[in-house]
Amino acid sequence: MHRTTTIALGIFLIFFGVQLNVVERYTMTPRTANFLSADGVVATAIERPTDAANSTYNSTYYQTSYQAPAAVSTVSPASREIRPPRWLCWPVLFLGAVILINGATLRRD
């Protein structure tokens, strides 16, 4: 079990290193960006309608159920981009190779 887990971790790190080499930037979804926001404030992509005559939108049940297409904002919260340094792929790739070789040399139980 330990050998298989070590080999799987090595293969995962090798694939992740190759992905870091190929991909230039990662763009997070607004939901993930809000979850990882530094200030802890969760912004929403739903604008509240300005029509005060319709009280359906002000109900807490409506706000937690689903979003209507008319209530979706055209301006989404600030999407974040992660741009890893170009050199980061090589240490991850080599670490995965070392872990893979280490797992291949472990005893079979």
PDB file of N, CA and C in Angstrom:
ATOM      1  N   MET A   1       0.826  -1.191   0.000  1.00  0.00           N
ATOM      2  CA  MET A   1       0.000   0.000   0.000  1.00  0.00           C
ATOM      3  C   MET A   1       0.869   1.253   0.000  1.00  0.00           C
ATOM      4  N   HIS A   2       1.932   1.239   0.804  1.00  0.00           N
ATOM      5  CA  HIS A   2       2.814   2.397   0.879  1.00  0.00           C
ATOM      6  C   HIS A   2       3.543   2.601  -0.455  1.00  0.00           C
ATOM      7  N   ARG A   3       3.913   1.528  -1.084  1.00  0.00           N
ATOM      8  CA  ARG A   3       4.621   1.590  -2.367  1.00  0.00           C
ATOM      9  C   ARG A   3       3.712   2.151  -3.447  1.00  0.00           C
ATOM     10  N   THR A   4       2.488   1.680  -3.495  1.00  0.00           N
ATOM     11  CA  THR A   4       1.547   2.148  -4.505  1.00  0.00           C
ATOM     12  C   THR A   4       1.214   3.623  -4.327  1.00  0.00           C
ATOM     13  N   THR A   5       1.053   4.048  -3.083  1.00  0.00           N
ATOM     14  CA  THR A   5       0.760   5.446  -2.815  1.00  0.00           C
ATOM     15  C   THR A   5       1.932   6.337  -3.209  1.00  0.00           C
ATOM     16  N   THR A   6       3.135   5.894  -2.948  1.00  0.00           N
ATOM     17  CA  THR A   6       4.314   6.672  -3.299  1.00  0.00           C
ATOM     18  C   THR A   6       4.454   6.799  -4.815  1.00  0.00           C
ATOM     19  N   ILE A   7       4.231   5.719  -5.530  1.00  0.00           N
ATOM     20  CA  ILE A   7       4.301   5.762  -6.990  1.00  0.00           C
ATOM     21  C   ILE A   7       3.207   6.666  -7.552  1.00  0.00           C
ATOM     22  N   ALA A   8       2.008   6.592  -7.004  1.00  0.00           N
ATOM     23  CA  ALA A   8       0.906   7.432  -7.480  1.00  0.00           C
ATOM     24  C   ALA A   8       1.195   8.909  -7.222  1.00  0.00           C
ATOM     25  N   LEU A   9       1.774   9.229  -6.072  1.00  0.00           N
ATOM     26  CA  LEU A   9       2.129  10.612  -5.772  1.00  0.00           C
ATOM     27  C   LEU A   9       3.197  11.114  -6.737  1.00  0.00           C
ATOM     28  N   GLY A  10       4.173  10.267  -7.051  1.00  0.00           N
ATOM     29  CA  GLY A  10       5.207  10.646  -8.011  1.00  0.00           C
ATOM     30  C   GLY A  10       4.640  10.909  -9.392  1.00  0.00           C
ATOM     31  N   ILE A  11       3.739  10.054  -9.843  1.00  0.00           N
ATOM     32  CA  ILE A  11       3.117  10.247 -11.159  1.00  0.00           C
ATOM     33  C   ILE A  11       2.283  11.518 -11.172  1.00  0.00           C
ATOM     34  N   PHE A  12       1.552  11.769 -10.079  1.00  0.00           N
ATOM     35  CA  PHE A  12       0.753  12.992  -9.988  1.00  0.00           C
ATOM     36  C   PHE A  12       1.639  14.228 -10.069  1.00  0.00           C
ATOM     37  N   LEU A  13       2.753  14.241  -9.342  1.00  0.00           N
ATOM     38  CA  LEU A  13       3.644  15.399  -9.370  1.00  0.00           C
ATOM     39  C   LEU A  13       4.290  15.588 -10.736  1.00  0.00           C
ATOM     40  N   ILE A  14       4.585  14.495 -11.431  1.00  0.00           N
ATOM     41  CA  ILE A  14       5.138  14.616 -12.779  1.00  0.00           C
ATOM     42  C   ILE A  14       4.108  15.250 -13.715  1.00  0.00           C
ATOM     43  N   PHE A  15       2.870  14.778 -13.660  1.00  0.00           N
ATOM     44  CA  PHE A  15       1.829  15.363 -14.508  1.00  0.00           C
ATOM     45  C   PHE A  15       1.573  16.824 -14.154  1.00  0.00           C
ATOM     46  N   PHE A  16       1.612  17.141 -12.853  1.00  0.00           N
ATOM     47  CA  PHE A  16       1.402  18.523 -12.429  1.00  0.00           C
ATOM     48  C   PHE A  16       2.552  19.413 -12.894  1.00  0.00           C
ATOM     49  N   GLY A  17       3.774  18.918 -12.871  1.00  0.00           N
ATOM     50  CA  GLY A  17       4.918  19.675 -13.367  1.00  0.00           C
ATOM     51  C   GLY A  17       4.814  19.939 -14.859  1.00  0.00           C
ATOM     52  N   VAL A  18       4.365  18.941 -15.622  1.00  0.00           N
ATOM     53  CA  VAL A  18       4.170  19.134 -17.056  1.00  0.00           C
ATOM     54  C   VAL A  18       3.073  20.163 -17.301  1.00  0.00           C
ATOM     55  N   GLN A  19       2.013  20.109 -16.504  1.00  0.00           N
ATOM     56  CA  GLN A  19       0.934  21.077 -16.653  1.00  0.00           C
ATOM     57  C   GLN A  19       1.419  22.486 -16.336  1.00  0.00           C
ATOM     58  N   LEU A  20       2.234  22.642 -15.311  1.00  0.00           N
ATOM     59  CA  LEU A  20       2.787  23.958 -14.996  1.00  0.00           C
ATOM     60  C   LEU A  20       3.670  24.474 -16.124  1.00  0.00           C
ATOM     61  N   ASN A  21       4.308  23.590 -16.851  1.00  0.00           N
ATOM     62  CA  ASN A  21       5.151  23.992 -17.965  1.00  0.00           C
ATOM     63  C   ASN A  21       4.324  24.439 -19.166  1.00  0.00           C
ATOM     64  N   VAL A  22       3.158  23.844 -19.357  1.00  0.00           N
ATOM     65  CA  VAL A  22       2.337  24.124 -20.534  1.00  0.00           C
ATOM     66  C   VAL A  22       1.413  25.324 -20.321  1.00  0.00           C
ATOM     67  N   VAL A  23       0.820  25.426 -19.139  1.00  0.00           N
ATOM     68  CA  VAL A  23      -0.185  26.453 -18.877  1.00  0.00           C
ATOM     69  C   VAL A  23       0.500  27.731 -18.398  1.00  0.00           C
ATOM     70  N   GLU A  24       0.083  28.858 -18.979  1.00  0.00           N
ATOM     71  CA  GLU A  24       0.679  30.141 -18.615  1.00  0.00           C
ATOM     72  C   GLU A  24       0.032  30.756 -17.382  1.00  0.00           C
ATOM     73  N   ARG A  25      -1.312  30.659 -17.294  1.00  0.00           N
ATOM     74  CA  ARG A  25      -2.017  31.242 -16.157  1.00  0.00           C
ATOM     75  C   ARG A  25      -3.270  30.436 -15.864  1.00  0.00           C
ATOM     76  N   TYR A  26      -3.697  30.493 -14.623  1.00  0.00           N
ATOM     77  CA  TYR A  26      -4.918  29.834 -14.183  1.00  0.00           C
ATOM     78  C   TYR A  26      -5.902  30.921 -13.775  1.00  0.00           C
ATOM     79  N   THR A  27      -7.107  30.887 -14.315  1.00  0.00           N
ATOM     80  CA  THR A  27      -8.141  31.848 -13.960  1.00  0.00           C
ATOM     81  C   THR A  27      -9.161  31.142 -13.085  1.00  0.00           C
ATOM     82  N   MET A  28      -9.358  31.678 -11.894  1.00  0.00           N
ATOM     83  CA  MET A  28     -10.309  31.065 -10.966  1.00  0.00           C
ATOM     84  C   MET A  28     -11.720  31.552 -11.272  1.00  0.00           C
ATOM     85  N   THR A  29     -12.681  30.715 -10.969  1.00  0.00           N
ATOM     86  CA  THR A  29     -14.072  31.110 -11.100  1.00  0.00           C
ATOM     87  C   THR A  29     -14.384  32.124 -10.007  1.00  0.00           C
ATOM     88  N   PRO A  30     -15.428  32.936 -10.182  1.00  0.00           N
ATOM     89  CA  PRO A  30     -15.769  33.903  -9.135  1.00  0.00           C
ATOM     90  C   PRO A  30     -16.048  33.250  -7.785  1.00  0.00           C
ATOM     91  N   ARG A  31     -16.641  32.063  -7.805  1.00  0.00           N
ATOM     92  CA  ARG A  31     -16.937  31.374  -6.546  1.00  0.00           C
ATOM     93  C   ARG A  31     -15.647  30.994  -5.816  1.00  0.00           C
ATOM     94  N   THR A  32     -14.672  30.484  -6.553  1.00  0.00           N
ATOM     95  CA  THR A  32     -13.399  30.125  -5.941  1.00  0.00           C
ATOM     96  C   THR A  32     -12.644  31.364  -5.502  1.00  0.00           C
ATOM     97  N   ALA A  33     -12.703  32.429  -6.301  1.00  0.00           N
ATOM     98  CA  ALA A  33     -12.029  33.672  -5.940  1.00  0.00           C
ATOM     99  C   ALA A  33     -12.620  34.252  -4.656  1.00  0.00           C
ATOM    100  N   ASN A  34     -13.938  34.158  -4.512  1.00  0.00           N
ATOM    101  CA  ASN A  34     -14.573  34.638  -3.284  1.00  0.00           C
ATOM    102  C   ASN A  34     -14.191  33.773  -2.096  1.00  0.00           C
ATOM    103  N   PHE A  35     -14.087  32.473  -2.312  1.00  0.00           N
ATOM    104  CA  PHE A  35     -13.728  31.565  -1.229  1.00  0.00           C
ATOM    105  C   PHE A  35     -12.313  31.829  -0.740  1.00  0.00           C
ATOM    106  N   LEU A  36     -11.424  32.149  -1.649  1.00  0.00           N
ATOM    107  CA  LEU A  36     -10.033  32.371  -1.303  1.00  0.00           C
ATOM    108  C   LEU A  36      -9.689  33.840  -1.094  1.00  0.00           C
ATOM    109  N   SER A  37     -10.703  34.720  -1.014  1.00  0.00           N
ATOM    110  CA  SER A  37     -10.423  36.142  -0.868  1.00  0.00           C
ATOM    111  C   SER A  37      -9.738  36.410   0.462  1.00  0.00           C
ATOM    112  N   ALA A  38      -8.836  37.347   0.438  1.00  0.00           N
ATOM    113  CA  ALA A  38      -8.020  37.637   1.610  1.00  0.00           C
ATOM    114  C   ALA A  38      -8.812  38.364   2.696  1.00  0.00           C
ATOM    115  N   ASP A  39      -9.789  39.183   2.306  1.00  0.00           N
ATOM    116  CA  ASP A  39     -10.505  39.956   3.312  1.00  0.00           C
ATOM    117  C   ASP A  39     -11.641  39.184   3.956  1.00  0.00           C
ATOM    118  N   GLY A  40     -11.988  38.035   3.420  1.00  0.00           N
ATOM    119  CA  GLY A  40     -13.011  37.200   4.031  1.00  0.00           C
ATOM    120  C   GLY A  40     -14.424  37.590   3.660  1.00  0.00           C
ATOM    121  N   VAL A  41     -14.594  38.650   2.873  1.00  0.00           N
ATOM    122  CA  VAL A  41     -15.915  39.085   2.465  1.00  0.00           C
ATOM    123  C   VAL A  41     -16.313  38.308   1.227  1.00  0.00           C
ATOM    124  N   VAL A  42     -17.453  37.660   1.289  1.00  0.00           N
ATOM    125  CA  VAL A  42     -17.928  36.881   0.149  1.00  0.00           C
ATOM    126  C   VAL A  42     -18.821  37.783  -0.688  1.00  0.00           C
ATOM    127  N   ALA A  43     -18.344  38.131  -1.866  1.00  0.00           N
ATOM    128  CA  ALA A  43     -19.138  38.939  -2.785  1.00  0.00           C
ATOM    129  C   ALA A  43     -20.091  38.025  -3.542  1.00  0.00           C
ATOM    130  N   THR A  44     -21.103  38.590  -4.104  1.00  0.00           N
ATOM    131  CA  THR A  44     -22.080  37.791  -4.819  1.00  0.00           C
ATOM    132  C   THR A  44     -22.178  38.249  -6.264  1.00  0.00           C
ATOM    133  N   ALA A  45     -22.511  37.349  -7.143  1.00  0.00           N
ATOM    134  CA  ALA A  45     -22.674  37.675  -8.553  1.00  0.00           C
ATOM    135  C   ALA A  45     -24.113  38.038  -8.876  1.00  0.00           C
ATOM    136  N   ILE A  46     -24.974  38.057  -7.876  1.00  0.00           N
ATOM    137  CA  ILE A  46     -26.388  38.350  -8.085  1.00  0.00           C
ATOM    138  C   ILE A  46     -26.655  39.789  -7.674  1.00  0.00           C
ATOM    139  N   GLU A  47     -27.201  40.568  -8.600  1.00  0.00           N
ATOM    140  CA  GLU A  47     -27.624  41.918  -8.261  1.00  0.00           C
ATOM    141  C   GLU A  47     -29.059  41.854  -7.766  1.00  0.00           C
ATOM    142  N   ARG A  48     -29.322  42.629  -6.773  1.00  0.00           N
ATOM    143  CA  ARG A  48     -30.704  42.687  -6.319  1.00  0.00           C
ATOM    144  C   ARG A  48     -31.475  43.616  -7.233  1.00  0.00           C
ATOM    145  N   PRO A  49     -32.646  43.205  -7.671  1.00  0.00           N
ATOM    146  CA  PRO A  49     -33.437  44.050  -8.567  1.00  0.00           C
ATOM    147  C   PRO A  49     -33.842  45.342  -7.874  1.00  0.00           C
ATOM    148  N   THR A  50     -33.916  46.405  -8.658  1.00  0.00           N
ATOM    149  CA  THR A  50     -34.286  47.704  -8.094  1.00  0.00           C
ATOM    150  C   THR A  50     -35.787  47.891  -8.067  1.00  0.00           C
ATOM    151  N   ASP A  51     -36.544  46.952  -8.611  1.00  0.00           N
ATOM    152  CA  ASP A  51     -37.987  47.053  -8.637  1.00  0.00           C
ATOM    153  C   ASP A  51     -38.535  46.763  -7.241  1.00  0.00           C
ATOM    154  N   ALA A  52     -38.952  47.816  -6.531  1.00  0.00           N
ATOM    155  CA  ALA A  52     -39.447  47.657  -5.166  1.00  0.00           C
ATOM    156  C   ALA A  52     -40.886  47.149  -5.143  1.00  0.00           C
ATOM    157  N   ALA A  53     -41.583  47.234  -6.280  1.00  0.00           N
ATOM    158  CA  ALA A  53     -42.970  46.786  -6.319  1.00  0.00           C
ATOM    159  C   ALA A  53     -43.073  45.273  -6.193  1.00  0.00           C
ATOM    160  N   ASN A  54     -42.076  44.556  -6.652  1.00  0.00           N
ATOM    161  CA  ASN A  54     -42.107  43.107  -6.578  1.00  0.00           C
ATOM    162  C   ASN A  54     -41.365  42.673  -5.321  1.00  0.00           C
ATOM    163  N   SER A  55     -42.076  42.237  -4.319  1.00  0.00           N
ATOM    164  CA  SER A  55     -41.450  41.872  -3.050  1.00  0.00           C
ATOM    165  C   SER A  55     -40.955  40.429  -3.031  1.00  0.00           C
ATOM    166  N   THR A  56     -41.119  39.697  -4.144  1.00  0.00           N
ATOM    167  CA  THR A  56     -40.659  38.317  -4.186  1.00  0.00           C
ATOM    168  C   THR A  56     -39.144  38.240  -4.046  1.00  0.00           C
ATOM    169  N   TYR A  57     -38.455  39.194  -4.658  1.00  0.00           N
ATOM    170  CA  TYR A  57     -37.003  39.179  -4.622  1.00  0.00           C
ATOM    171  C   TYR A  57     -36.454  39.465  -3.229  1.00  0.00           C
ATOM    172  N   ASN A  58     -37.204  40.129  -2.391  1.00  0.00           N
ATOM    173  CA  ASN A  58     -36.737  40.471  -1.050  1.00  0.00           C
ATOM    174  C   ASN A  58     -36.908  39.333  -0.058  1.00  0.00           C
ATOM    175  N   SER A  59     -37.590  38.287  -0.459  1.00  0.00           N
ATOM    176  CA  SER A  59     -37.803  37.155   0.421  1.00  0.00           C
ATOM    177  C   SER A  59     -36.505  36.376   0.617  1.00  0.00           C
ATOM    178  N   THR A  60     -36.265  35.928   1.842  1.00  0.00           N
ATOM    179  CA  THR A  60     -35.049  35.156   2.100  1.00  0.00           C
ATOM    180  C   THR A  60     -35.103  33.795   1.415  1.00  0.00           C
ATOM    181  N   TYR A  61     -36.311  33.273   1.185  1.00  0.00           N
ATOM    182  CA  TYR A  61     -36.421  32.001   0.490  1.00  0.00           C
ATOM    183  C   TYR A  61     -35.996  32.134  -0.961  1.00  0.00           C
ATOM    184  N   TYR A  62     -36.347  33.251  -1.569  1.00  0.00           N
ATOM    185  CA  TYR A  62     -35.955  33.461  -2.957  1.00  0.00           C
ATOM    186  C   TYR A  62     -34.442  33.642  -3.070  1.00  0.00           C
ATOM    187  N   GLN A  63     -33.849  34.342  -2.145  1.00  0.00           N
ATOM    188  CA  GLN A  63     -32.420  34.634  -2.213  1.00  0.00           C
ATOM    189  C   GLN A  63     -31.573  33.382  -2.054  1.00  0.00           C
ATOM    190  N   THR A  64     -32.068  32.398  -1.323  1.00  0.00           N
ATOM    191  CA  THR A  64     -31.278  31.198  -1.106  1.00  0.00           C
ATOM    192  C   THR A  64     -31.627  30.059  -2.046  1.00  0.00           C
ATOM    193  N   SER A  65     -32.668  30.229  -2.866  1.00  0.00           N
ATOM    194  CA  SER A  65     -33.077  29.108  -3.700  1.00  0.00           C
ATOM    195  C   SER A  65     -32.320  29.051  -5.017  1.00  0.00           C
ATOM    196  N   TYR A  66     -32.507  29.989  -5.870  1.00  0.00           N
ATOM    197  CA  TYR A  66     -31.853  29.971  -7.166  1.00  0.00           C
ATOM    198  C   TYR A  66     -31.785  31.397  -7.676  1.00  0.00           C
ATOM    199  N   GLN A  67     -30.994  31.586  -8.711  1.00  0.00           N
ATOM    200  CA  GLN A  67     -30.898  32.920  -9.283  1.00  0.00           C
ATOM    201  C   GLN A  67     -31.644  32.973 -10.608  1.00  0.00           C
ATOM    202  N   ALA A  68     -32.450  33.964 -10.764  1.00  0.00           N
ATOM    203  CA  ALA A  68     -33.181  34.153 -12.008  1.00  0.00           C
ATOM    204  C   ALA A  68     -32.245  34.790 -13.028  1.00  0.00           C
ATOM    205  N   PRO A  69     -32.422  34.476 -14.313  1.00  0.00           N
ATOM    206  CA  PRO A  69     -31.532  35.052 -15.318  1.00  0.00           C
ATOM    207  C   PRO A  69     -31.556  36.572 -15.339  1.00  0.00           C
ATOM    208  N   ALA A  70     -32.684  37.185 -14.995  1.00  0.00           N
ATOM    209  CA  ALA A  70     -32.760  38.643 -15.001  1.00  0.00           C
ATOM    210  C   ALA A  70     -31.981  39.247 -13.838  1.00  0.00           C
ATOM    211  N   ALA A  71     -31.735  38.473 -12.790  1.00  0.00           N
ATOM    212  CA  ALA A  71     -31.076  39.005 -11.611  1.00  0.00           C
ATOM    213  C   ALA A  71     -29.563  38.834 -11.648  1.00  0.00           C
ATOM    214  N   VAL A  72     -29.047  38.171 -12.681  1.00  0.00           N
ATOM    215  CA  VAL A  72     -27.614  37.930 -12.755  1.00  0.00           C
ATOM    216  C   VAL A  72     -26.926  39.185 -13.253  1.00  0.00           C
ATOM    217  N   SER A  73     -25.894  39.562 -12.572  1.00  0.00           N
ATOM    218  CA  SER A  73     -25.151  40.758 -12.938  1.00  0.00           C
ATOM    219  C   SER A  73     -24.305  40.504 -14.180  1.00  0.00           C
ATOM    220  N   THR A  74     -24.152  41.530 -14.991  1.00  0.00           N
ATOM    221  CA  THR A  74     -23.257  41.412 -16.130  1.00  0.00           C
ATOM    222  C   THR A  74     -21.811  41.605 -15.694  1.00  0.00           C
ATOM    223  N   VAL A  75     -21.620  42.238 -14.562  1.00  0.00           N
ATOM    224  CA  VAL A  75     -20.275  42.436 -14.031  1.00  0.00           C
ATOM    225  C   VAL A  75     -20.064  41.416 -12.928  1.00  0.00           C
ATOM    226  N   SER A  76     -19.202  40.463 -13.166  1.00  0.00           N
ATOM    227  CA  SER A  76     -18.931  39.440 -12.163  1.00  0.00           C
ATOM    228  C   SER A  76     -17.905  39.977 -11.174  1.00  0.00           C
ATOM    229  N   PRO A  77     -17.778  39.356 -10.024  1.00  0.00           N
ATOM    230  CA  PRO A  77     -16.742  39.779  -9.097  1.00  0.00           C
ATOM    231  C   PRO A  77     -15.373  39.630  -9.746  1.00  0.00           C
ATOM    232  N   ALA A  78     -14.438  40.343  -9.214  1.00  0.00           N
ATOM    233  CA  ALA A  78     -13.099  40.345  -9.802  1.00  0.00           C
ATOM    234  C   ALA A  78     -12.556  38.923  -9.851  1.00  0.00           C
ATOM    235  N   SER A  79     -12.318  38.455 -11.065  1.00  0.00           N
ATOM    236  CA  SER A  79     -11.752  37.120 -11.198  1.00  0.00           C
ATOM    237  C   SER A  79     -10.255  37.212 -10.966  1.00  0.00           C
ATOM    238  N   ARG A  80      -9.743  36.232 -10.307  1.00  0.00           N
ATOM    239  CA  ARG A  80      -8.326  36.217 -10.004  1.00  0.00           C
ATOM    240  C   ARG A  80      -7.597  35.308 -10.968  1.00  0.00           C
ATOM    241  N   GLU A  81      -6.388  35.687 -11.248  1.00  0.00           N
ATOM    242  CA  GLU A  81      -5.530  34.864 -12.085  1.00  0.00           C
ATOM    243  C   GLU A  81      -4.304  34.476 -11.282  1.00  0.00           C
ATOM    244  N   ILE A  82      -3.924  33.230 -11.418  1.00  0.00           N
ATOM    245  CA  ILE A  82      -2.696  32.759 -10.789  1.00  0.00           C
ATOM    246  C   ILE A  82      -1.697  32.537 -11.907  1.00  0.00           C
ATOM    247  N   ARG A  83      -0.597  33.246 -11.834  1.00  0.00           N
ATOM    248  CA  ARG A  83       0.475  33.102 -12.816  1.00  0.00           C
ATOM    249  C   ARG A  83       1.697  32.533 -12.106  1.00  0.00           C
ATOM    250  N   PRO A  84       1.854  31.213 -12.147  1.00  0.00           N
ATOM    251  CA  PRO A  84       3.021  30.634 -11.476  1.00  0.00           C
ATOM    252  C   PRO A  84       4.288  30.994 -12.238  1.00  0.00           C
ATOM    253  N   PRO A  85       5.402  31.120 -11.530  1.00  0.00           N
ATOM    254  CA  PRO A  85       6.656  31.426 -12.220  1.00  0.00           C
ATOM    255  C   PRO A  85       7.041  30.298 -13.174  1.00  0.00           C
ATOM    256  N   ARG A  86       7.741  30.650 -14.234  1.00  0.00           N
ATOM    257  CA  ARG A  86       8.107  29.666 -15.255  1.00  0.00           C
ATOM    258  C   ARG A  86       9.027  28.581 -14.706  1.00  0.00           C
ATOM    259  N   TRP A  87       9.834  28.900 -13.696  1.00  0.00           N
ATOM    260  CA  TRP A  87      10.790  27.936 -13.166  1.00  0.00           C
ATOM    261  C   TRP A  87      10.140  26.918 -12.248  1.00  0.00           C
ATOM    262  N   LEU A  88       8.913  27.128 -11.822  1.00  0.00           N
ATOM    263  CA  LEU A  88       8.279  26.254 -10.833  1.00  0.00           C
ATOM    264  C   LEU A  88       8.002  24.853 -11.377  1.00  0.00           C
ATOM    265  N   CYS A  89       7.850  24.714 -12.682  1.00  0.00           N
ATOM    266  CA  CYS A  89       7.539  23.403 -13.256  1.00  0.00           C
ATOM    267  C   CYS A  89       8.692  22.420 -13.052  1.00  0.00           C
ATOM    268  N   TRP A  90       9.935  22.890 -13.111  1.00  0.00           N
ATOM    269  CA  TRP A  90      11.075  21.981 -13.033  1.00  0.00           C
ATOM    270  C   TRP A  90      11.264  21.365 -11.654  1.00  0.00           C
ATOM    271  N   PRO A  91      11.203  22.115 -10.564  1.00  0.00           N
ATOM    272  CA  PRO A  91      11.314  21.444  -9.257  1.00  0.00           C
ATOM    273  C   PRO A  91      10.186  20.453  -8.991  1.00  0.00           C
ATOM    274  N   VAL A  92       8.968  20.798  -9.408  1.00  0.00           N
ATOM    275  CA  VAL A  92       7.831  19.885  -9.198  1.00  0.00           C
ATOM    276  C   VAL A  92       8.021  18.618 -10.039  1.00  0.00           C
ATOM    277  N   LEU A  93       8.466  18.785 -11.266  1.00  0.00           N
ATOM    278  CA  LEU A  93       8.693  17.643 -12.153  1.00  0.00           C
ATOM    279  C   LEU A  93       9.797  16.733 -11.609  1.00  0.00           C
ATOM    280  N   PHE A  94      10.898  17.316 -11.168  1.00  0.00           N
ATOM    281  CA  PHE A  94      12.009  16.509 -10.653  1.00  0.00           C
ATOM    282  C   PHE A  94      11.674  15.872  -9.305  1.00  0.00           C
ATOM    283  N   LEU A  95      10.918  16.569  -8.478  1.00  0.00           N
ATOM    284  CA  LEU A  95      10.479  15.977  -7.214  1.00  0.00           C
ATOM    285  C   LEU A  95       9.585  14.769  -7.479  1.00  0.00           C
ATOM    286  N   GLY A  96       8.690  14.887  -8.471  1.00  0.00           N
ATOM    287  CA  GLY A  96       7.849  13.757  -8.835  1.00  0.00           C
ATOM    288  C   GLY A  96       8.661  12.586  -9.358  1.00  0.00           C
ATOM    289  N   ALA A  97       9.718  12.884 -10.130  1.00  0.00           N
ATOM    290  CA  ALA A  97      10.564  11.802 -10.645  1.00  0.00           C
ATOM    291  C   ALA A  97      11.310  11.102  -9.517  1.00  0.00           C
ATOM    292  N   VAL A  98      11.811  11.873  -8.553  1.00  0.00           N
ATOM    293  CA  VAL A  98      12.526  11.279  -7.419  1.00  0.00           C
ATOM    294  C   VAL A  98      11.582  10.429  -6.582  1.00  0.00           C
ATOM    295  N   ILE A  99      10.382  10.914  -6.334  1.00  0.00           N
ATOM    296  CA  ILE A  99       9.411  10.152  -5.537  1.00  0.00           C
ATOM    297  C   ILE A  99       8.984   8.889  -6.285  1.00  0.00           C
ATOM    298  N   LEU A 100       8.829   8.985  -7.597  1.00  0.00           N
ATOM    299  CA  LEU A 100       8.470   7.812  -8.395  1.00  0.00           C
ATOM    300  C   LEU A 100       9.573   6.756  -8.350  1.00  0.00           C
ATOM    301  N   ILE A 101      10.810   7.171  -8.489  1.00  0.00           N
ATOM    302  CA  ILE A 101      11.923   6.217  -8.422  1.00  0.00           C
ATOM    303  C   ILE A 101      12.041   5.624  -7.027  1.00  0.00           C
ATOM    304  N   ASN A 102      11.833   6.450  -6.009  1.00  0.00           N
ATOM    305  CA  ASN A 102      11.865   5.954  -4.638  1.00  0.00           C
ATOM    306  C   ASN A 102      10.759   4.919  -4.412  1.00  0.00           C
ATOM    307  N   GLY A 103       9.572   5.187  -4.921  1.00  0.00           N
ATOM    308  CA  GLY A 103       8.476   4.232  -4.772  1.00  0.00           C
ATOM    309  C   GLY A 103       8.718   2.942  -5.530  1.00  0.00           C
ATOM    310  N   ALA A 104       9.406   3.043  -6.663  1.00  0.00           N
ATOM    311  CA  ALA A 104       9.701   1.833  -7.439  1.00  0.00           C
ATOM    312  C   ALA A 104      10.746   0.958  -6.757  1.00  0.00           C
ATOM    313  N   THR A 105      11.593   1.556  -5.922  1.00  0.00           N
ATOM    314  CA  THR A 105      12.630   0.777  -5.254  1.00  0.00           C
ATOM    315  C   THR A 105      12.200   0.245  -3.894  1.00  0.00           C
ATOM    316  N   LEU A 106      11.029   0.602  -3.417  1.00  0.00           N
ATOM    317  CA  LEU A 106      10.549   0.084  -2.139  1.00  0.00           C
ATOM    318  C   LEU A 106      10.239  -1.393  -2.254  1.00  0.00           C
ATOM    319  N   ARG A 107      10.314  -2.087  -1.104  1.00  0.00           N
ATOM    320  CA  ARG A 107       9.998  -3.520  -1.091  1.00  0.00           C
ATOM    321  C   ARG A 107       8.508  -3.741  -1.310  1.00  0.00           C
ATOM    322  N   ARG A 108       8.199  -4.817  -1.970  1.00  0.00           N
ATOM    323  CA  ARG A 108       6.794  -5.202  -2.133  1.00  0.00           C
ATOM    324  C   ARG A 108       6.363  -5.962  -0.903  1.00  0.00           C
ATOM    325  N   ASP A 109       5.258  -5.567  -0.343  1.00  0.00           N
ATOM    326  CA  ASP A 109       4.757  -6.250   0.856  1.00  0.00           C
ATOM    327  C   ASP A 109       3.677  -7.231   0.533  1.00  0.00           C
TER     328      ASP A 109
END
